[in-house]
Amino acid sequence: MNWYPLRVISGKESKVKDNLLFELDYQNLSDQVSDILIPSENIVEMKDGKKKIKNKVFFPGYVLVQMTDSKEARHIIENMDGVISFVGPNGDPQALKEDEITRILGEVHGREGKEIVVAPYKVGDSVKVIDGPFADFNGYVNEVNEEKQKVKVSVSIFGRSTPVELDFLQVEIEK
C-alpha cells in the first residue's frame, strides 16, 4: 500500500477523515485503506496566564491516505464531501516517495506527546513569576529561548538583580 496526498477544504481535515472512515467501513472497503493521517502537533498558548492547547496541522488543506489504488476506493474518496482531489497530474493519485513519507512520519512521531509552548514574551517585558521557588517575584525578561521553552528573568533578591532561568509556564506578563 502506498501513501497518497489528498487535497481537502482547509479546516475540514478531521471531518473528511471521519467521513472517509465511516463511508469506507459502510461500503466494506476498509481493507483497501489502511490509514488516514492528518500530520499535526499540540501548541500551548498562554493567554491571560492560562494555558490554551490548540492542535496545529502541519499541512492545512491536505490529508495523507495509505491505500491500494483501486477504482472503488478512489471513487468514494474523490466524491466525499470536503475532498477537492488527489494530488497529482490531472487529479490522478500520485504516491509519495518512500523518503518523503518517512520524513513526514518521523516528524509526526517525533512530536507525539510533546506540547510546544508559544511564548508571548520578548526581551524587556515586565513579568511575574507564578510558579516555583521564585513565585510572586517580579522581574524583566533578559533572554527568550524558544527551543528550550525557557526565559531568563532578572529578579530582585535581597536588593540585587539576579538572573533566573524559568520555563515559559512559570511566568506571566505583568498587567
C-alpha atoms as a PDB file:
ATOM      1  CA  MET A   1       0.000   0.000   0.000  1.00  0.00           C
ATOM      2  CA  ASN A   2       1.213   3.475  -0.881  1.00  0.00           C
ATOM      3  CA  TRP A   3       0.600   6.865   0.711  1.00  0.00           C
ATOM      4  CA  TYR A   4      -1.323   9.400  -1.356  1.00  0.00           C
ATOM      5  CA  PRO A   5      -1.801  13.093  -0.524  1.00  0.00           C
ATOM      6  CA  LEU A   6      -5.370  14.289  -0.754  1.00  0.00           C
ATOM      7  CA  ARG A   7      -6.333  17.958  -1.222  1.00  0.00           C
ATOM      8  CA  VAL A   8      -9.263  18.878   1.055  1.00  0.00           C
ATOM      9  CA  ILE A   9     -11.028  22.033   2.218  1.00  0.00           C
ATOM     10  CA  SER A  10      -8.729  23.732   4.721  1.00  0.00           C
ATOM     11  CA  GLY A  11     -10.000  23.402   8.278  1.00  0.00           C
ATOM     12  CA  LYS A  12     -12.122  20.349   7.411  1.00  0.00           C
ATOM     13  CA  GLU A  13      -9.334  17.753   7.593  1.00  0.00           C
ATOM     14  CA  SER A  14     -10.725  15.928  10.666  1.00  0.00           C
ATOM     15  CA  LYS A  15     -14.276  15.899   9.318  1.00  0.00           C
ATOM     16  CA  VAL A  16     -13.056  14.473   5.991  1.00  0.00           C
ATOM     17  CA  LYS A  17     -11.071  11.780   7.837  1.00  0.00           C
ATOM     18  CA  ASP A  18     -14.073  10.778   9.976  1.00  0.00           C
ATOM     19  CA  ASN A  19     -16.412  10.729   6.966  1.00  0.00           C
ATOM     20  CA  LEU A  20     -13.934   8.663   4.917  1.00  0.00           C
ATOM     21  CA  LEU A  21     -13.515   6.081   7.674  1.00  0.00           C
ATOM     22  CA  PHE A  22     -17.290   5.797   8.089  1.00  0.00           C
ATOM     23  CA  GLU A  23     -18.027   5.542   4.364  1.00  0.00           C
ATOM     24  CA  LEU A  24     -15.236   3.029   3.664  1.00  0.00           C
ATOM     25  CA  ASP A  25     -16.486   0.875   6.540  1.00  0.00           C
ATOM     26  CA  TYR A  26     -20.085   1.181   5.308  1.00  0.00           C
ATOM     27  CA  GLN A  27     -19.067   0.141   1.770  1.00  0.00           C
ATOM     28  CA  ASN A  28     -16.914  -2.757   3.101  1.00  0.00           C
ATOM     29  CA  LEU A  29     -13.753  -1.206   1.629  1.00  0.00           C
ATOM     30  CA  SER A  30     -11.844  -0.771   4.907  1.00  0.00           C
ATOM     31  CA  ASP A  31      -9.292  -3.337   3.734  1.00  0.00           C
ATOM     32  CA  GLN A  32      -8.257  -1.048   0.848  1.00  0.00           C
ATOM     33  CA  VAL A  33      -7.378   1.915   3.087  1.00  0.00           C
ATOM     34  CA  SER A  34      -5.108   1.052   5.997  1.00  0.00           C
ATOM     35  CA  ASP A  35      -4.503   4.537   7.446  1.00  0.00           C
ATOM     36  CA  ILE A  36      -5.603   8.157   7.149  1.00  0.00           C
ATOM     37  CA  LEU A  37      -3.215  10.705   8.640  1.00  0.00           C
ATOM     38  CA  ILE A  38      -3.503  14.402   9.429  1.00  0.00           C
ATOM     39  CA  PRO A  39       0.032  15.429  10.491  1.00  0.00           C
ATOM     40  CA  SER A  40      -0.349  17.824  13.441  1.00  0.00           C
ATOM     41  CA  GLU A  41       1.030  18.867  16.832  1.00  0.00           C
ATOM     42  CA  ASN A  42      -0.342  20.385  20.024  1.00  0.00           C
ATOM     43  CA  ILE A  43       0.619  24.007  20.673  1.00  0.00           C
ATOM     44  CA  VAL A  44       0.216  25.579  24.120  1.00  0.00           C
ATOM     45  CA  GLU A  45      -0.559  29.285  24.035  1.00  0.00           C
ATOM     46  CA  MET A  46      -0.525  31.485  27.106  1.00  0.00           C
ATOM     47  CA  LYS A  47      -3.464  33.898  27.286  1.00  0.00           C
ATOM     48  CA  ASP A  48      -4.167  35.879  30.457  1.00  0.00           C
ATOM     49  CA  GLY A  49      -1.997  33.473  32.469  1.00  0.00           C
ATOM     50  CA  LYS A  50      -3.987  30.434  31.308  1.00  0.00           C
ATOM     51  CA  LYS A  51      -2.799  27.557  29.142  1.00  0.00           C
ATOM     52  CA  LYS A  52      -4.785  27.050  25.957  1.00  0.00           C
ATOM     53  CA  ILE A  53      -3.986  23.960  23.885  1.00  0.00           C
ATOM     54  CA  LYS A  54      -4.522  24.188  20.122  1.00  0.00           C
ATOM     55  CA  ASN A  55      -3.976  21.489  17.542  1.00  0.00           C
ATOM     56  CA  LYS A  56      -1.880  22.855  14.664  1.00  0.00           C
ATOM     57  CA  VAL A  57      -1.994  20.973  11.355  1.00  0.00           C
ATOM     58  CA  PHE A  58       1.392  20.790   9.548  1.00  0.00           C
ATOM     59  CA  PHE A  59      -0.160  20.852   6.072  1.00  0.00           C
ATOM     60  CA  PRO A  60      -3.504  22.703   6.165  1.00  0.00           C
ATOM     61  CA  GLY A  61      -5.772  21.505   3.372  1.00  0.00           C
ATOM     62  CA  TYR A  62      -4.097  18.093   2.994  1.00  0.00           C
ATOM     63  CA  VAL A  63      -4.752  14.597   4.325  1.00  0.00           C
ATOM     64  CA  LEU A  64      -2.491  11.576   3.751  1.00  0.00           C
ATOM     65  CA  VAL A  65      -4.179   8.296   2.833  1.00  0.00           C
ATOM     66  CA  GLN A  66      -2.436   4.898   2.814  1.00  0.00           C
ATOM     67  CA  MET A  67      -4.354   2.776   0.337  1.00  0.00           C
ATOM     68  CA  THR A  68      -4.318   0.397  -2.577  1.00  0.00           C
ATOM     69  CA  ASP A  69      -5.060   2.254  -5.800  1.00  0.00           C
ATOM     70  CA  SER A  70      -8.450   0.666  -6.541  1.00  0.00           C
ATOM     71  CA  LYS A  71     -11.276   2.233  -8.550  1.00  0.00           C
ATOM     72  CA  GLU A  72     -13.825   1.657  -5.768  1.00  0.00           C
ATOM     73  CA  ALA A  73     -11.768   3.346  -3.039  1.00  0.00           C
ATOM     74  CA  ARG A  74     -10.799   6.213  -5.372  1.00  0.00           C
ATOM     75  CA  HIS A  75     -14.424   6.792  -6.335  1.00  0.00           C
ATOM     76  CA  ILE A  76     -15.558   7.006  -2.698  1.00  0.00           C
ATOM     77  CA  ILE A  77     -12.659   9.272  -1.716  1.00  0.00           C
ATOM     78  CA  GLU A  78     -12.975  11.626  -4.710  1.00  0.00           C
ATOM     79  CA  ASN A  79     -16.729  12.047  -4.199  1.00  0.00           C
ATOM     80  CA  MET A  80     -16.511  12.610  -0.442  1.00  0.00           C
ATOM     81  CA  ASP A  81     -17.823  15.940   0.846  1.00  0.00           C
ATOM     82  CA  GLY A  82     -14.870  18.254   1.577  1.00  0.00           C
ATOM     83  CA  VAL A  83     -12.427  16.469  -0.752  1.00  0.00           C
ATOM     84  CA  ILE A  84     -11.093  18.565  -3.633  1.00  0.00           C
ATOM     85  CA  SER A  85      -8.885  15.996  -5.401  1.00  0.00           C
ATOM     86  CA  PHE A  86      -5.888  13.742  -5.146  1.00  0.00           C
ATOM     87  CA  VAL A  87      -2.547  15.499  -5.533  1.00  0.00           C
ATOM     88  CA  GLY A  88      -1.054  14.569  -8.870  1.00  0.00           C
ATOM     89  CA  PRO A  89      -1.255  15.309 -12.572  1.00  0.00           C
ATOM     90  CA  ASN A  90      -4.882  15.921 -13.652  1.00  0.00           C
ATOM     91  CA  GLY A  91      -6.094  14.998 -10.156  1.00  0.00           C
ATOM     92  CA  ASP A  92      -4.862  11.418 -10.542  1.00  0.00           C
ATOM     93  CA  PRO A  93      -3.321   9.966  -7.380  1.00  0.00           C
ATOM     94  CA  GLN A  94       0.448  10.165  -7.251  1.00  0.00           C
ATOM     95  CA  ALA A  95       2.060   8.138  -4.483  1.00  0.00           C
ATOM     96  CA  LEU A  96       4.504   9.832  -2.140  1.00  0.00           C
ATOM     97  CA  LYS A  97       8.104   8.654  -2.386  1.00  0.00           C
ATOM     98  CA  GLU A  98       9.358   6.454   0.443  1.00  0.00           C
ATOM     99  CA  ASP A  99      11.804   9.085   1.748  1.00  0.00           C
ATOM    100  CA  GLU A 100       9.053  11.758   1.766  1.00  0.00           C
ATOM    101  CA  ILE A 101       6.645   9.690   3.836  1.00  0.00           C
ATOM    102  CA  THR A 102       9.445   8.536   6.152  1.00  0.00           C
ATOM    103  CA  ARG A 103      10.352  12.178   6.835  1.00  0.00           C
ATOM    104  CA  ILE A 104       6.721  13.175   7.443  1.00  0.00           C
ATOM    105  CA  LEU A 105       6.020  10.200   9.723  1.00  0.00           C
ATOM    106  CA  GLY A 106       9.280  10.877  11.594  1.00  0.00           C
ATOM    107  CA  GLU A 107       8.141  14.464  12.261  1.00  0.00           C
ATOM    108  CA  VAL A 108       4.728  13.309  13.454  1.00  0.00           C
ATOM    109  CA  HIS A 109       6.053  10.566  15.742  1.00  0.00           C
ATOM    110  CA  GLY A 110       8.910  12.761  16.991  1.00  0.00           C
ATOM    111  CA  ARG A 111       6.453  15.401  18.184  1.00  0.00           C
ATOM    112  CA  GLU A 112       3.843  12.992  19.538  1.00  0.00           C
ATOM    113  CA  GLY A 113       3.014  13.662  23.169  1.00  0.00           C
ATOM    114  CA  LYS A 114       5.089  16.842  23.224  1.00  0.00           C
ATOM    115  CA  GLU A 115       3.437  20.178  23.706  1.00  0.00           C
ATOM    116  CA  ILE A 116       5.036  23.179  22.044  1.00  0.00           C
ATOM    117  CA  VAL A 117       4.601  26.368  24.048  1.00  0.00           C
ATOM    118  CA  VAL A 118       4.322  29.594  22.100  1.00  0.00           C
ATOM    119  CA  ALA A 119       5.694  32.316  24.339  1.00  0.00           C
ATOM    120  CA  PRO A 120       4.200  35.773  24.274  1.00  0.00           C
ATOM    121  CA  TYR A 121       7.414  37.109  25.878  1.00  0.00           C
ATOM    122  CA  LYS A 122      10.104  39.330  24.436  1.00  0.00           C
ATOM    123  CA  VAL A 123      13.240  40.884  25.898  1.00  0.00           C
ATOM    124  CA  GLY A 124      12.388  43.770  28.215  1.00  0.00           C
ATOM    125  CA  ASP A 125       8.888  42.550  29.170  1.00  0.00           C
ATOM    126  CA  SER A 126       7.874  43.006  32.802  1.00  0.00           C
ATOM    127  CA  VAL A 127       6.834  39.594  34.162  1.00  0.00           C
ATOM    128  CA  LYS A 128       5.656  37.986  37.383  1.00  0.00           C
ATOM    129  CA  VAL A 129       6.876  34.538  38.441  1.00  0.00           C
ATOM    130  CA  ILE A 130       3.814  32.385  39.177  1.00  0.00           C
ATOM    131  CA  ASP A 131       5.396  29.002  39.949  1.00  0.00           C
ATOM    132  CA  GLY A 132       8.486  27.562  41.588  1.00  0.00           C
ATOM    133  CA  PRO A 133      10.768  28.865  44.347  1.00  0.00           C
ATOM    134  CA  PHE A 134      10.599  32.440  42.995  1.00  0.00           C
ATOM    135  CA  ALA A 135       6.774  32.589  42.889  1.00  0.00           C
ATOM    136  CA  ASP A 136       5.404  36.126  43.407  1.00  0.00           C
ATOM    137  CA  PHE A 137       8.725  37.751  42.416  1.00  0.00           C
ATOM    138  CA  ASN A 138       8.631  40.369  39.657  1.00  0.00           C
ATOM    139  CA  GLY A 139      11.321  40.884  37.058  1.00  0.00           C
ATOM    140  CA  TYR A 140      12.277  41.684  33.489  1.00  0.00           C
ATOM    141  CA  VAL A 141      12.926  39.296  30.610  1.00  0.00           C
ATOM    142  CA  ASN A 142      16.614  39.273  29.591  1.00  0.00           C
ATOM    143  CA  GLU A 143      16.542  36.384  27.147  1.00  0.00           C
ATOM    144  CA  VAL A 144      13.992  34.100  25.431  1.00  0.00           C
ATOM    145  CA  ASN A 145      14.971  30.568  24.343  1.00  0.00           C
ATOM    146  CA  GLU A 146      12.143  29.236  22.131  1.00  0.00           C
ATOM    147  CA  GLU A 147      13.913  25.917  21.523  1.00  0.00           C
ATOM    148  CA  LYS A 148      14.228  25.019  25.221  1.00  0.00           C
ATOM    149  CA  GLN A 149      10.992  26.857  26.057  1.00  0.00           C
ATOM    150  CA  LYS A 150      12.772  28.845  28.754  1.00  0.00           C
ATOM    151  CA  VAL A 151      13.035  32.505  29.639  1.00  0.00           C
ATOM    152  CA  LYS A 152      15.823  34.228  31.589  1.00  0.00           C
ATOM    153  CA  VAL A 153      14.377  36.760  34.027  1.00  0.00           C
ATOM    154  CA  SER A 154      16.188  39.292  36.248  1.00  0.00           C
ATOM    155  CA  VAL A 155      14.542  39.273  39.669  1.00  0.00           C
ATOM    156  CA  SER A 156      15.499  41.401  42.668  1.00  0.00           C
ATOM    157  CA  ILE A 157      16.675  39.189  45.537  1.00  0.00           C
ATOM    158  CA  PHE A 158      17.934  40.982  48.668  1.00  0.00           C
ATOM    159  CA  GLY A 159      18.220  44.182  46.657  1.00  0.00           C
ATOM    160  CA  ARG A 160      20.402  42.620  43.945  1.00  0.00           C
ATOM    161  CA  SER A 161      19.343  41.846  40.399  1.00  0.00           C
ATOM    162  CA  THR A 162      19.727  38.092  39.877  1.00  0.00           C
ATOM    163  CA  PRO A 163      19.181  36.249  36.560  1.00  0.00           C
ATOM    164  CA  VAL A 164      16.923  33.201  36.900  1.00  0.00           C
ATOM    165  CA  GLU A 165      16.090  30.706  34.138  1.00  0.00           C
ATOM    166  CA  LEU A 166      12.437  29.622  34.164  1.00  0.00           C
ATOM    167  CA  ASP A 167      10.035  27.651  31.982  1.00  0.00           C
ATOM    168  CA  PHE A 168       7.581  29.635  29.858  1.00  0.00           C
ATOM    169  CA  LEU A 169       4.748  28.322  32.019  1.00  0.00           C
ATOM    170  CA  GLN A 170       6.330  29.633  35.244  1.00  0.00           C
ATOM    171  CA  VAL A 171       5.912  33.308  34.329  1.00  0.00           C
ATOM    172  CA  GLU A 172       3.184  35.606  33.079  1.00  0.00           C
ATOM    173  CA  ILE A 173       3.268  39.123  31.681  1.00  0.00           C
ATOM    174  CA  GLU A 174       2.517  41.716  34.351  1.00  0.00           C
ATOM    175  CA  LYS A 175      -0.581  43.749  33.781  1.00  0.00           C
END
